[in-house]
Amino acid sequence: MKKNYIGPLILFDDNLPPPMSIRILSCIRVIFAIACSAGPIGSAETASVSPTGIRHSYLVMGGKTAIINEQGSADWEYRGGTRDGFILPNGNLLAAWSDRVEEVTRDKKVIFSYQRSKENSEIGTTQRLYNGNTLVTELGGHPRLLEVNPAGTIVLEVPLQPETDNAHMQTRMARQLKNGNYLVPHLLAFAIKEYTPEGKIVRVLRTDLEEVGGRAAENWPFTAIRLDNGNTVVSLTHGNKLAEFNPRGEIVWKITNEDMHGLFKDPCGSQRLANGNTVIGSHAANQGISMVEVNFAKEIVWTSDHPLAAGVHHFQILTTNGKSEPGMPMK
């Protein structure tokens, strides 16, 4: 069952002073968070509408790869173990596994494939670019970002500087920016680095700031989303936070596990929706709530505890109440 968690529940009593009303609201949210995280009830083929009226269809990637419709049923499933990917405008899935990237049709025909090079040990992420090429990151002895053309030929290679030999922790959700540069989160470097196509680093955002606990908090950057206003939204996986940085590297908004009453469990994938809300997936949530949508006021307006989304690594919100998310997904 996919439960859609309560959103902004406004219960104020005019006879109570504001602090008491606020405490009542906070307690109610805690109670509902605990109830919703207790695990699924009933069938995975049913869905309920949240009090905010939000329904989503969405792609989940991780132990399972599936498209879940707004009624809570799986419309399509494919081989699991996916790390990153997108539903393309043509309806195909572009997905990364540790050893390859594939574009596969809905009838499960592979029409594009890139195999990891022998000199590296993992593939991290993938993205279909506006020029038709496919972005791939490889982790290992020679960490690099690649552009691969539709024929499977590497047409651009950008060496990366992850500051660690730990291949698995070198980088995650690299993305091409509108200016042609590449935004690359480096986990153990506590840094999101912007690379030019020539491999020059032109900007660095630090995630080991003292205001969020310094390095001891293990705020490893996993997904970094550059917004149109120049800010960058970053999921901080081991630190169980999500933060928005301005171009100067200052945190202008953040949401923590204290705000979420413990619902964040190693948040990896995240997506900023067109309405300004943010959806966050918890990779370590193997049961119960694994996806949470919050608004700017830090109110929970939707959740998923669908069994196919357990342990979600990354995802893509496809529709909201029957309307497609516009443009290139911000994820």
C-alpha atoms as a PDB file:
ATOM      1  CA  MET A   1       0.000   0.000   0.000  1.00  0.00           C
ATOM      2  CA  LYS A   2       1.240   3.508  -0.768  1.00  0.00           C
ATOM      3  CA  LYS A   3       0.145   5.822   1.988  1.00  0.00           C
ATOM      4  CA  ASN A   4       0.142   9.531   1.343  1.00  0.00           C
ATOM      5  CA  TYR A   5       1.173  11.097   4.648  1.00  0.00           C
ATOM      6  CA  ILE A   6      -0.725  14.020   6.096  1.00  0.00           C
ATOM      7  CA  GLY A   7       0.502  17.405   5.124  1.00  0.00           C
ATOM      8  CA  PRO A   8       0.013  20.766   6.789  1.00  0.00           C
ATOM      9  CA  LEU A   9      -2.491  19.905   9.493  1.00  0.00           C
ATOM     10  CA  ILE A  10      -3.740  23.185  10.965  1.00  0.00           C
ATOM     11  CA  LEU A  11      -5.471  22.682  14.304  1.00  0.00           C
ATOM     12  CA  PHE A  12      -5.377  25.832  16.381  1.00  0.00           C
ATOM     13  CA  ASP A  13      -7.695  26.602  19.255  1.00  0.00           C
ATOM     14  CA  ASP A  14      -8.480  30.296  19.706  1.00  0.00           C
ATOM     15  CA  ASN A  15      -8.799  29.671  23.443  1.00  0.00           C
ATOM     16  CA  LEU A  16      -5.202  28.444  23.726  1.00  0.00           C
ATOM     17  CA  PRO A  17      -2.135  30.684  23.621  1.00  0.00           C
ATOM     18  CA  PRO A  18      -0.104  30.306  20.369  1.00  0.00           C
ATOM     19  CA  PRO A  19       2.782  28.357  21.998  1.00  0.00           C
ATOM     20  CA  MET A  20       0.358  25.723  23.283  1.00  0.00           C
ATOM     21  CA  SER A  21      -1.318  25.456  19.853  1.00  0.00           C
ATOM     22  CA  ILE A  22       2.052  25.046  18.182  1.00  0.00           C
ATOM     23  CA  ARG A  23       3.006  22.282  20.642  1.00  0.00           C
ATOM     24  CA  ILE A  24      -0.280  20.489  19.896  1.00  0.00           C
ATOM     25  CA  LEU A  25       0.413  20.699  16.154  1.00  0.00           C
ATOM     26  CA  SER A  26       3.943  19.376  16.642  1.00  0.00           C
ATOM     27  CA  CYS A  27       2.707  16.441  18.729  1.00  0.00           C
ATOM     28  CA  ILE A  28       0.079  15.566  16.128  1.00  0.00           C
ATOM     29  CA  ARG A  29       2.721  15.512  13.381  1.00  0.00           C
ATOM     30  CA  VAL A  30       4.945  13.248  15.476  1.00  0.00           C
ATOM     31  CA  ILE A  31       2.066  10.832  16.117  1.00  0.00           C
ATOM     32  CA  PHE A  32       1.242  10.620  12.424  1.00  0.00           C
ATOM     33  CA  ALA A  33       4.902  10.212  11.459  1.00  0.00           C
ATOM     34  CA  ILE A  34       5.270   7.269  13.828  1.00  0.00           C
ATOM     35  CA  ALA A  35       2.027   5.710  12.626  1.00  0.00           C
ATOM     36  CA  CYS A  36       2.968   6.056   8.978  1.00  0.00           C
ATOM     37  CA  SER A  37       6.485   4.694   9.446  1.00  0.00           C
ATOM     38  CA  ALA A  38       5.188   1.546  11.112  1.00  0.00           C
ATOM     39  CA  GLY A  39       4.946  -0.173   7.736  1.00  0.00           C
ATOM     40  CA  PRO A  40       2.411  -0.974   5.058  1.00  0.00           C
ATOM     41  CA  ILE A  41      -1.110  -2.045   5.856  1.00  0.00           C
ATOM     42  CA  GLY A  42      -3.121  -4.009   3.358  1.00  0.00           C
ATOM     43  CA  SER A  43      -2.403  -4.519  -0.335  1.00  0.00           C
ATOM     44  CA  ALA A  44       0.322  -2.900  -2.415  1.00  0.00           C
ATOM     45  CA  GLU A  45      -2.288  -2.518  -5.149  1.00  0.00           C
ATOM     46  CA  THR A  46      -4.263   0.151  -3.311  1.00  0.00           C
ATOM     47  CA  ALA A  47      -3.623   3.815  -2.720  1.00  0.00           C
ATOM     48  CA  SER A  48      -5.106   6.575  -0.617  1.00  0.00           C
ATOM     49  CA  VAL A  49      -5.297  10.296  -1.277  1.00  0.00           C
ATOM     50  CA  SER A  50      -3.433  12.446   1.229  1.00  0.00           C
ATOM     51  CA  PRO A  51      -5.349  15.199   3.010  1.00  0.00           C
ATOM     52  CA  THR A  52      -3.520  17.560   0.664  1.00  0.00           C
ATOM     53  CA  GLY A  53      -5.011  15.658  -2.294  1.00  0.00           C
ATOM     54  CA  ILE A  54      -1.627  14.744  -3.784  1.00  0.00           C
ATOM     55  CA  ARG A  55      -1.135  11.643  -5.913  1.00  0.00           C
ATOM     56  CA  HIS A  56       2.090  10.833  -7.787  1.00  0.00           C
ATOM     57  CA  SER A  57       3.239   8.309 -10.330  1.00  0.00           C
ATOM     58  CA  TYR A  58       6.957   7.713 -10.057  1.00  0.00           C
ATOM     59  CA  LEU A  59       9.965   5.688 -11.148  1.00  0.00           C
ATOM     60  CA  VAL A  60      11.913   3.988  -8.359  1.00  0.00           C
ATOM     61  CA  MET A  61      15.466   2.697  -8.680  1.00  0.00           C
ATOM     62  CA  GLY A  62      17.444   0.629  -6.214  1.00  0.00           C
ATOM     63  CA  GLY A  63      16.862  -2.987  -5.240  1.00  0.00           C
ATOM     64  CA  LYS A  64      13.803  -2.769  -7.499  1.00  0.00           C
ATOM     65  CA  THR A  65      13.261  -0.864 -10.736  1.00  0.00           C
ATOM     66  CA  ALA A  66       9.618  -0.019 -11.320  1.00  0.00           C
ATOM     67  CA  ILE A  67       7.085   2.577 -12.381  1.00  0.00           C
ATOM     68  CA  ILE A  68       4.313   2.974  -9.801  1.00  0.00           C
ATOM     69  CA  ASN A  69       1.099   4.660 -10.938  1.00  0.00           C
ATOM     70  CA  GLU A  70      -1.044   7.140  -9.031  1.00  0.00           C
ATOM     71  CA  GLN A  71      -3.303   4.319  -7.810  1.00  0.00           C
ATOM     72  CA  GLY A  72      -0.355   2.495  -6.224  1.00  0.00           C
ATOM     73  CA  SER A  73      -0.003  -0.323  -8.773  1.00  0.00           C
ATOM     74  CA  ALA A  74       3.193  -1.200 -10.616  1.00  0.00           C
ATOM     75  CA  ASP A  75       2.770  -0.345 -14.299  1.00  0.00           C
ATOM     76  CA  TRP A  76       6.189  -1.706 -15.275  1.00  0.00           C
ATOM     77  CA  GLU A  77       9.158  -3.485 -13.706  1.00  0.00           C
ATOM     78  CA  TYR A  78      12.703  -4.150 -14.883  1.00  0.00           C
ATOM     79  CA  ARG A  79      15.952  -5.563 -13.588  1.00  0.00           C
ATOM     80  CA  GLY A  80      16.881  -4.237 -10.139  1.00  0.00           C
ATOM     81  CA  GLY A  81      20.152  -2.959  -8.806  1.00  0.00           C
ATOM     82  CA  THR A  82      19.783   0.403 -10.552  1.00  0.00           C
ATOM     83  CA  ARG A  83      21.651   3.428  -9.226  1.00  0.00           C
ATOM     84  CA  ASP A  84      20.394   6.303 -11.329  1.00  0.00           C
ATOM     85  CA  GLY A  85      18.214   6.953 -14.335  1.00  0.00           C
ATOM     86  CA  PHE A  86      15.376   8.759 -16.038  1.00  0.00           C
ATOM     87  CA  ILE A  87      12.200   8.068 -17.920  1.00  0.00           C
ATOM     88  CA  LEU A  88      12.999   9.779 -21.218  1.00  0.00           C
ATOM     89  CA  PRO A  89      10.511  11.872 -23.217  1.00  0.00           C
ATOM     90  CA  ASN A  90      10.070   8.866 -25.571  1.00  0.00           C
ATOM     91  CA  GLY A  91       8.917   6.745 -22.614  1.00  0.00           C
ATOM     92  CA  ASN A  92      12.054   4.595 -22.484  1.00  0.00           C
ATOM     93  CA  LEU A  93      14.103   4.018 -19.339  1.00  0.00           C
ATOM     94  CA  LEU A  94      17.705   5.219 -19.197  1.00  0.00           C
ATOM     95  CA  ALA A  95      19.349   3.537 -16.225  1.00  0.00           C
ATOM     96  CA  ALA A  96      22.760   2.959 -14.666  1.00  0.00           C
ATOM     97  CA  TRP A  97      23.907  -0.205 -12.950  1.00  0.00           C
ATOM     98  CA  SER A  98      27.368  -0.674 -11.444  1.00  0.00           C
ATOM     99  CA  ASP A  99      28.650  -2.236 -14.672  1.00  0.00           C
ATOM    100  CA  ARG A 100      26.599  -0.632 -17.473  1.00  0.00           C
ATOM    101  CA  VAL A 101      24.163   1.974 -18.717  1.00  0.00           C
ATOM    102  CA  GLU A 102      21.155   0.974 -20.818  1.00  0.00           C
ATOM    103  CA  GLU A 103      18.269   2.596 -22.620  1.00  0.00           C
ATOM    104  CA  VAL A 104      15.424   0.089 -22.654  1.00  0.00           C
ATOM    105  CA  THR A 105      11.960   0.288 -24.186  1.00  0.00           C
ATOM    106  CA  ARG A 106       8.754  -0.546 -22.338  1.00  0.00           C
ATOM    107  CA  ASP A 107       8.768  -3.957 -24.063  1.00  0.00           C
ATOM    108  CA  LYS A 108      12.257  -4.443 -22.526  1.00  0.00           C
ATOM    109  CA  LYS A 109      14.297  -4.129 -25.696  1.00  0.00           C
ATOM    110  CA  VAL A 110      17.746  -2.618 -25.100  1.00  0.00           C
ATOM    111  CA  ILE A 111      18.440   0.043 -27.743  1.00  0.00           C
ATOM    112  CA  PHE A 112      21.530   1.662 -26.197  1.00  0.00           C
ATOM    113  CA  SER A 113      24.226   0.224 -23.952  1.00  0.00           C
ATOM    114  CA  TYR A 114      27.538   1.359 -22.531  1.00  0.00           C
ATOM    115  CA  GLN A 115      29.778  -1.089 -20.665  1.00  0.00           C
ATOM    116  CA  ARG A 116      32.036   0.123 -17.852  1.00  0.00           C
ATOM    117  CA  SER A 117      35.694   0.358 -18.787  1.00  0.00           C
ATOM    118  CA  LYS A 118      38.082  -2.247 -17.347  1.00  0.00           C
ATOM    119  CA  GLU A 119      40.209   0.406 -15.660  1.00  0.00           C
ATOM    120  CA  ASN A 120      37.379   1.376 -13.303  1.00  0.00           C
ATOM    121  CA  SER A 121      35.230  -0.572 -10.862  1.00  0.00           C
ATOM    122  CA  GLU A 122      31.810   1.121 -10.794  1.00  0.00           C
ATOM    123  CA  ILE A 123      29.436   3.315 -12.741  1.00  0.00           C
ATOM    124  CA  GLY A 124      27.761   5.966 -10.649  1.00  0.00           C
ATOM    125  CA  THR A 125      25.235   7.928 -12.654  1.00  0.00           C
ATOM    126  CA  THR A 126      23.757   8.661 -16.058  1.00  0.00           C
ATOM    127  CA  GLN A 127      21.826  11.432 -17.801  1.00  0.00           C
ATOM    128  CA  ARG A 128      20.579  11.928 -21.372  1.00  0.00           C
ATOM    129  CA  LEU A 129      21.840  15.288 -22.592  1.00  0.00           C
ATOM    130  CA  TYR A 130      20.136  17.792 -24.878  1.00  0.00           C
ATOM    131  CA  ASN A 131      22.634  17.009 -27.663  1.00  0.00           C
ATOM    132  CA  GLY A 132      21.563  13.336 -27.636  1.00  0.00           C
ATOM    133  CA  ASN A 133      24.701  12.085 -25.917  1.00  0.00           C
ATOM    134  CA  THR A 134      24.609  10.195 -22.626  1.00  0.00           C
ATOM    135  CA  LEU A 135      26.457  11.310 -19.521  1.00  0.00           C
ATOM    136  CA  VAL A 136      28.158   8.551 -17.515  1.00  0.00           C
ATOM    137  CA  THR A 137      30.403   8.699 -14.445  1.00  0.00           C
ATOM    138  CA  GLU A 138      32.957   5.973 -13.759  1.00  0.00           C
ATOM    139  CA  LEU A 139      34.501   5.407 -10.329  1.00  0.00           C
ATOM    140  CA  GLY A 140      37.773   3.642  -9.571  1.00  0.00           C
ATOM    141  CA  GLY A 141      41.430   4.069 -10.407  1.00  0.00           C
ATOM    142  CA  HIS A 142      40.667   6.674 -13.066  1.00  0.00           C
ATOM    143  CA  PRO A 143      37.511   8.486 -11.942  1.00  0.00           C
ATOM    144  CA  ARG A 144      36.032  10.297 -14.890  1.00  0.00           C
ATOM    145  CA  LEU A 145      32.947  11.807 -16.429  1.00  0.00           C
ATOM    146  CA  LEU A 146      32.107  10.699 -19.968  1.00  0.00           C
ATOM    147  CA  GLU A 147      29.866  11.786 -22.792  1.00  0.00           C
ATOM    148  CA  VAL A 148      28.923   8.823 -24.970  1.00  0.00           C
ATOM    149  CA  ASN A 149      27.231   9.304 -28.351  1.00  0.00           C
ATOM    150  CA  PRO A 150      24.270   7.167 -29.545  1.00  0.00           C
ATOM    151  CA  ALA A 151      26.685   4.756 -31.273  1.00  0.00           C
ATOM    152  CA  GLY A 152      28.356   4.035 -27.916  1.00  0.00           C
ATOM    153  CA  THR A 153      31.541   5.984 -28.676  1.00  0.00           C
ATOM    154  CA  ILE A 154      33.149   8.183 -26.012  1.00  0.00           C
ATOM    155  CA  VAL A 155      33.284  11.725 -27.388  1.00  0.00           C
ATOM    156  CA  LEU A 156      34.339  13.585 -24.223  1.00  0.00           C
ATOM    157  CA  GLU A 157      36.270  12.580 -21.106  1.00  0.00           C
ATOM    158  CA  VAL A 158      36.588  14.801 -18.034  1.00  0.00           C
ATOM    159  CA  PRO A 159      38.965  13.584 -15.270  1.00  0.00           C
ATOM    160  CA  LEU A 160      37.421  14.004 -11.821  1.00  0.00           C
ATOM    161  CA  GLN A 161      39.078  15.009  -8.540  1.00  0.00           C
ATOM    162  CA  PRO A 162      37.228  13.138  -5.767  1.00  0.00           C
ATOM    163  CA  GLU A 163      40.092  13.354  -3.216  1.00  0.00           C
ATOM    164  CA  THR A 164      39.792   9.667  -2.274  1.00  0.00           C
ATOM    165  CA  ASP A 165      40.800   6.269  -3.658  1.00  0.00           C
ATOM    166  CA  ASN A 166      37.657   4.696  -2.187  1.00  0.00           C
ATOM    167  CA  ALA A 167      35.877   4.080  -5.497  1.00  0.00           C
ATOM    168  CA  HIS A 168      32.417   3.614  -4.026  1.00  0.00           C
ATOM    169  CA  MET A 169      32.629   6.952  -2.212  1.00  0.00           C
ATOM    170  CA  GLN A 170      34.145   9.048  -5.009  1.00  0.00           C
ATOM    171  CA  THR A 171      31.050  10.530  -6.597  1.00  0.00           C
ATOM    172  CA  ARG A 172      27.348  10.110  -7.224  1.00  0.00           C
ATOM    173  CA  MET A 173      24.722  12.102  -9.149  1.00  0.00           C
ATOM    174  CA  ALA A 174      26.706  14.120 -11.689  1.00  0.00           C
ATOM    175  CA  ARG A 175      24.623  16.351 -13.935  1.00  0.00           C
ATOM    176  CA  GLN A 176      25.249  18.648 -16.879  1.00  0.00           C
ATOM    177  CA  LEU A 177      24.269  22.260 -16.224  1.00  0.00           C
ATOM    178  CA  LYS A 178      22.606  24.628 -18.659  1.00  0.00           C
ATOM    179  CA  ASN A 179      25.915  26.470 -19.106  1.00  0.00           C
ATOM    180  CA  GLY A 180      27.551  23.257 -20.351  1.00  0.00           C
ATOM    181  CA  ASN A 181      29.527  22.612 -17.166  1.00  0.00           C
ATOM    182  CA  TYR A 182      29.048  19.561 -14.927  1.00  0.00           C
ATOM    183  CA  LEU A 183      27.928  19.509 -11.297  1.00  0.00           C
ATOM    184  CA  VAL A 184      29.552  16.610  -9.428  1.00  0.00           C
ATOM    185  CA  PRO A 185      29.011  15.669  -5.745  1.00  0.00           C
ATOM    186  CA  HIS A 186      32.122  14.156  -4.109  1.00  0.00           C
ATOM    187  CA  LEU A 187      31.074  12.370  -0.929  1.00  0.00           C
ATOM    188  CA  LEU A 188      34.275  12.025   1.124  1.00  0.00           C
ATOM    189  CA  ALA A 189      35.586  15.368  -0.135  1.00  0.00           C
ATOM    190  CA  PHE A 190      32.488  17.004   1.408  1.00  0.00           C
ATOM    191  CA  ALA A 191      32.262  19.047  -1.759  1.00  0.00           C
ATOM    192  CA  ILE A 192      30.107  19.671  -4.823  1.00  0.00           C
ATOM    193  CA  LYS A 193      32.461  20.671  -7.623  1.00  0.00           C
ATOM    194  CA  GLU A 194      31.526  22.360 -10.881  1.00  0.00           C
ATOM    195  CA  TYR A 195      33.752  21.218 -13.752  1.00  0.00           C
ATOM    196  CA  THR A 196      34.119  22.726 -17.198  1.00  0.00           C
ATOM    197  CA  PRO A 197      34.255  20.340 -20.196  1.00  0.00           C
ATOM    198  CA  GLU A 198      38.039  20.881 -20.095  1.00  0.00           C
ATOM    199  CA  GLY A 199      38.183  19.540 -16.524  1.00  0.00           C
ATOM    200  CA  LYS A 200      38.755  22.844 -14.725  1.00  0.00           C
ATOM    201  CA  ILE A 201      37.005  23.283 -11.372  1.00  0.00           C
ATOM    202  CA  VAL A 202      35.318  26.685 -11.356  1.00  0.00           C
ATOM    203  CA  ARG A 203      33.213  26.476  -8.177  1.00  0.00           C
ATOM    204  CA  VAL A 204      33.130  24.402  -4.998  1.00  0.00           C
ATOM    205  CA  LEU A 205      30.318  24.173  -2.445  1.00  0.00           C
ATOM    206  CA  ARG A 206      31.384  22.756   0.918  1.00  0.00           C
ATOM    207  CA  THR A 207      29.063  20.505   2.946  1.00  0.00           C
ATOM    208  CA  ASP A 208      31.264  20.258   6.071  1.00  0.00           C
ATOM    209  CA  LEU A 209      30.162  23.653   7.387  1.00  0.00           C
ATOM    210  CA  GLU A 210      30.183  24.070  11.160  1.00  0.00           C
ATOM    211  CA  GLU A 211      26.558  25.220  11.183  1.00  0.00           C
ATOM    212  CA  VAL A 212      25.504  21.701  10.118  1.00  0.00           C
ATOM    213  CA  GLY A 213      27.930  19.838  12.367  1.00  0.00           C
ATOM    214  CA  GLY A 214      31.210  19.969  10.450  1.00  0.00           C
ATOM    215  CA  ARG A 215      32.856  16.792   9.179  1.00  0.00           C
ATOM    216  CA  ALA A 216      31.770  14.843  12.249  1.00  0.00           C
ATOM    217  CA  ALA A 217      28.167  15.029  10.996  1.00  0.00           C
ATOM    218  CA  GLU A 218      29.164  13.110   7.807  1.00  0.00           C
ATOM    219  CA  ASN A 219      27.135  15.363   5.528  1.00  0.00           C
ATOM    220  CA  TRP A 220      28.200  13.514   2.383  1.00  0.00           C
ATOM    221  CA  PRO A 221      26.740  15.174  -0.745  1.00  0.00           C
ATOM    222  CA  PHE A 222      24.856  12.686  -2.899  1.00  0.00           C
ATOM    223  CA  THR A 223      22.393  14.484  -5.202  1.00  0.00           C
ATOM    224  CA  ALA A 224      23.036  18.109  -6.187  1.00  0.00           C
ATOM    225  CA  ILE A 225      20.373  20.088  -8.082  1.00  0.00           C
ATOM    226  CA  ARG A 226      21.206  23.477  -9.606  1.00  0.00           C
ATOM    227  CA  LEU A 227      18.111  25.699  -9.607  1.00  0.00           C
ATOM    228  CA  ASP A 228      17.307  28.462 -12.075  1.00  0.00           C
ATOM    229  CA  ASN A 229      18.026  31.090  -9.406  1.00  0.00           C
ATOM    230  CA  GLY A 230      21.589  29.802  -9.030  1.00  0.00           C
ATOM    231  CA  ASN A 231      21.007  27.996  -5.729  1.00  0.00           C
ATOM    232  CA  THR A 232      21.906  24.318  -5.318  1.00  0.00           C
ATOM    233  CA  VAL A 233      19.778  21.764  -3.452  1.00  0.00           C
ATOM    234  CA  VAL A 234      21.858  18.940  -1.967  1.00  0.00           C
ATOM    235  CA  SER A 235      20.870  15.709  -0.213  1.00  0.00           C
ATOM    236  CA  LEU A 236      23.392  14.943   2.540  1.00  0.00           C
ATOM    237  CA  THR A 237      23.099  11.233   2.835  1.00  0.00           C
ATOM    238  CA  HIS A 238      24.851  10.104   6.025  1.00  0.00           C
ATOM    239  CA  GLY A 239      24.041  13.358   7.765  1.00  0.00           C
ATOM    240  CA  ASN A 240      20.301  12.782   7.226  1.00  0.00           C
ATOM    241  CA  LYS A 241      19.722  16.305   5.942  1.00  0.00           C
ATOM    242  CA  LEU A 242      18.866  18.250   2.824  1.00  0.00           C
ATOM    243  CA  ALA A 243      20.189  21.772   2.316  1.00  0.00           C
ATOM    244  CA  GLU A 244      19.876  24.573  -0.239  1.00  0.00           C
ATOM    245  CA  PHE A 245      23.013  26.644  -0.850  1.00  0.00           C
ATOM    246  CA  ASN A 246      23.237  30.039  -2.515  1.00  0.00           C
ATOM    247  CA  PRO A 247      26.011  30.704  -5.071  1.00  0.00           C
ATOM    248  CA  ARG A 248      28.313  31.917  -2.254  1.00  0.00           C
ATOM    249  CA  GLY A 249      28.054  28.528  -0.560  1.00  0.00           C
ATOM    250  CA  GLU A 250      25.842  29.745   2.272  1.00  0.00           C
ATOM    251  CA  ILE A 251      22.935  27.597   3.471  1.00  0.00           C
ATOM    252  CA  VAL A 252      19.675  29.451   2.865  1.00  0.00           C
ATOM    253  CA  TRP A 253      17.297  26.603   3.739  1.00  0.00           C
ATOM    254  CA  LYS A 254      17.685  23.170   5.259  1.00  0.00           C
ATOM    255  CA  ILE A 255      15.604  20.321   6.608  1.00  0.00           C
ATOM    256  CA  THR A 256      16.949  17.846   9.145  1.00  0.00           C
ATOM    257  CA  ASN A 257      15.902  14.585  10.714  1.00  0.00           C
ATOM    258  CA  GLU A 258      14.727  16.525  13.733  1.00  0.00           C
ATOM    259  CA  ASP A 259      12.298  18.344  11.452  1.00  0.00           C
ATOM    260  CA  MET A 260      11.223  14.984   9.967  1.00  0.00           C
ATOM    261  CA  HIS A 261      10.941  13.141  13.311  1.00  0.00           C
ATOM    262  CA  GLY A 262      13.480  10.532  12.197  1.00  0.00           C
ATOM    263  CA  LEU A 263      11.976   9.711   8.788  1.00  0.00           C
ATOM    264  CA  PHE A 264      15.268  10.405   6.963  1.00  0.00           C
ATOM    265  CA  LYS A 265      17.351   7.234   6.726  1.00  0.00           C
ATOM    266  CA  ASP A 266      20.403   7.943   4.555  1.00  0.00           C
ATOM    267  CA  PRO A 267      18.645  10.212   2.036  1.00  0.00           C
ATOM    268  CA  CYS A 268      20.258   9.681  -1.372  1.00  0.00           C
ATOM    269  CA  GLY A 269      18.014  10.704  -4.252  1.00  0.00           C
ATOM    270  CA  SER A 270      16.082  13.965  -4.185  1.00  0.00           C
ATOM    271  CA  GLN A 271      13.994  15.968  -6.654  1.00  0.00           C
ATOM    272  CA  ARG A 272      12.774  19.549  -6.653  1.00  0.00           C
ATOM    273  CA  LEU A 273       9.304  19.655  -8.187  1.00  0.00           C
ATOM    274  CA  ALA A 274       7.875  22.413 -10.357  1.00  0.00           C
ATOM    275  CA  ASN A 275       5.613  23.527  -7.487  1.00  0.00           C
ATOM    276  CA  GLY A 276       8.659  24.177  -5.288  1.00  0.00           C
ATOM    277  CA  ASN A 277       8.238  21.110  -3.081  1.00  0.00           C
ATOM    278  CA  THR A 278      11.108  18.672  -2.593  1.00  0.00           C
ATOM    279  CA  VAL A 279      10.881  14.878  -2.586  1.00  0.00           C
ATOM    280  CA  ILE A 280      13.555  12.939  -0.708  1.00  0.00           C
ATOM    281  CA  GLY A 281      14.202   9.189  -0.814  1.00  0.00           C
ATOM    282  CA  SER A 282      15.767   7.203   2.051  1.00  0.00           C
ATOM    283  CA  HIS A 283      18.085   4.447   0.837  1.00  0.00           C
ATOM    284  CA  ALA A 284      18.277   2.782   4.276  1.00  0.00           C
ATOM    285  CA  ALA A 285      14.488   2.620   4.676  1.00  0.00           C
ATOM    286  CA  ASN A 286      13.924  -1.050   3.885  1.00  0.00           C
ATOM    287  CA  GLN A 287      10.375  -0.952   5.223  1.00  0.00           C
ATOM    288  CA  GLY A 288       7.852   1.724   6.047  1.00  0.00           C
ATOM    289  CA  ILE A 289       8.141   5.215   4.624  1.00  0.00           C
ATOM    290  CA  SER A 290      10.986   5.550   2.121  1.00  0.00           C
ATOM    291  CA  MET A 291       9.948   8.701   0.203  1.00  0.00           C
ATOM    292  CA  VAL A 292       8.831  12.041   1.652  1.00  0.00           C
ATOM    293  CA  GLU A 293       7.615  15.227  -0.031  1.00  0.00           C
ATOM    294  CA  VAL A 294       8.009  18.448   1.926  1.00  0.00           C
ATOM    295  CA  ASN A 295       7.139  22.059   1.220  1.00  0.00           C
ATOM    296  CA  PHE A 296       9.205  25.134   2.060  1.00  0.00           C
ATOM    297  CA  ALA A 297       7.555  25.336   5.485  1.00  0.00           C
ATOM    298  CA  LYS A 298       8.976  21.840   6.194  1.00  0.00           C
ATOM    299  CA  GLU A 299       5.515  20.301   6.257  1.00  0.00           C
ATOM    300  CA  ILE A 300       5.139  16.753   4.952  1.00  0.00           C
ATOM    301  CA  VAL A 301       2.539  16.687   2.185  1.00  0.00           C
ATOM    302  CA  TRP A 302       3.034  13.196   0.687  1.00  0.00           C
ATOM    303  CA  THR A 303       4.881   9.968   1.430  1.00  0.00           C
ATOM    304  CA  SER A 304       5.316   6.532  -0.114  1.00  0.00           C
ATOM    305  CA  ASP A 305       5.800   3.286   1.750  1.00  0.00           C
ATOM    306  CA  HIS A 306       5.293   1.174  -1.386  1.00  0.00           C
ATOM    307  CA  PRO A 307       7.174  -2.171  -1.133  1.00  0.00           C
ATOM    308  CA  LEU A 308       8.805  -1.598  -4.529  1.00  0.00           C
ATOM    309  CA  ALA A 309      10.242   1.689  -3.235  1.00  0.00           C
ATOM    310  CA  ALA A 310      11.923   0.099  -0.205  1.00  0.00           C
ATOM    311  CA  GLY A 311      15.619   0.982  -0.152  1.00  0.00           C
ATOM    312  CA  VAL A 312      15.151   3.523  -2.953  1.00  0.00           C
ATOM    313  CA  HIS A 313      18.484   4.777  -4.318  1.00  0.00           C
ATOM    314  CA  HIS A 314      17.057   7.350  -6.680  1.00  0.00           C
ATOM    315  CA  PHE A 315      13.673   8.042  -8.252  1.00  0.00           C
ATOM    316  CA  GLN A 316      11.749  10.326 -10.581  1.00  0.00           C
ATOM    317  CA  ILE A 317       8.350  11.847  -9.882  1.00  0.00           C
ATOM    318  CA  LEU A 318       6.528  11.532 -13.212  1.00  0.00           C
ATOM    319  CA  THR A 319       3.047  12.965 -12.620  1.00  0.00           C
ATOM    320  CA  THR A 320       1.108  14.804  -9.961  1.00  0.00           C
ATOM    321  CA  ASN A 321      -2.659  14.314 -10.013  1.00  0.00           C
ATOM    322  CA  GLY A 322      -2.543  13.322 -13.660  1.00  0.00           C
ATOM    323  CA  LYS A 323      -0.256  16.138 -14.841  1.00  0.00           C
ATOM    324  CA  SER A 324       3.307  15.454 -15.968  1.00  0.00           C
ATOM    325  CA  GLU A 325       6.231  17.180 -14.290  1.00  0.00           C
ATOM    326  CA  PRO A 326       7.398  19.732 -16.885  1.00  0.00           C
ATOM    327  CA  GLY A 327      10.831  19.973 -18.473  1.00  0.00           C
ATOM    328  CA  MET A 328      14.060  18.234 -17.505  1.00  0.00           C
ATOM    329  CA  PRO A 329      13.545  16.669 -14.069  1.00  0.00           C
ATOM    330  CA  MET A 330      15.463  18.510 -11.343  1.00  0.00           C
ATOM    331  CA  LYS A 331      16.973  15.451  -9.684  1.00  0.00           C
END
